[in-house]
Amino acid sequence: MNNKNLTKEHIAINLSKKTGYSVNYSKKLINDFIDILINNIKNKKSNLKNLGAFKLINKKERIGRNPKTKESFVISSRKSISFKISKKIINVLNQVK
């Protein structure tokens, strides 16, 4: 994996190499995991032990501006997700040099 973007395809290939499952089955596992994660975030049950916590944020409508043309426009209200990484992962990353 030399490119900077990690895709589901890369994860599925690595998972299939480690587990011996087929790439298609690994893709299904990843898609099922993402579906479970989305449903849990919607229901505000989004802590993954030793990984981090997802939080659903409601953003209000606001005025935005195009920096080039200085033209103002309305940015509609929307939902967003924030992720806070666990302290365990932070400690592991800080030990790596």
Foldseek 3Di string as FASTA:
>chain_A
DPDPDDDLQNVLVVVCVVPVDDSVVSSVVVVVVVVVQVVCQVVVNAQDPQFWGKHKDWAQKDWDADPVVRDIDIDHIDIDMDIDTDPNVVVVVVVDD
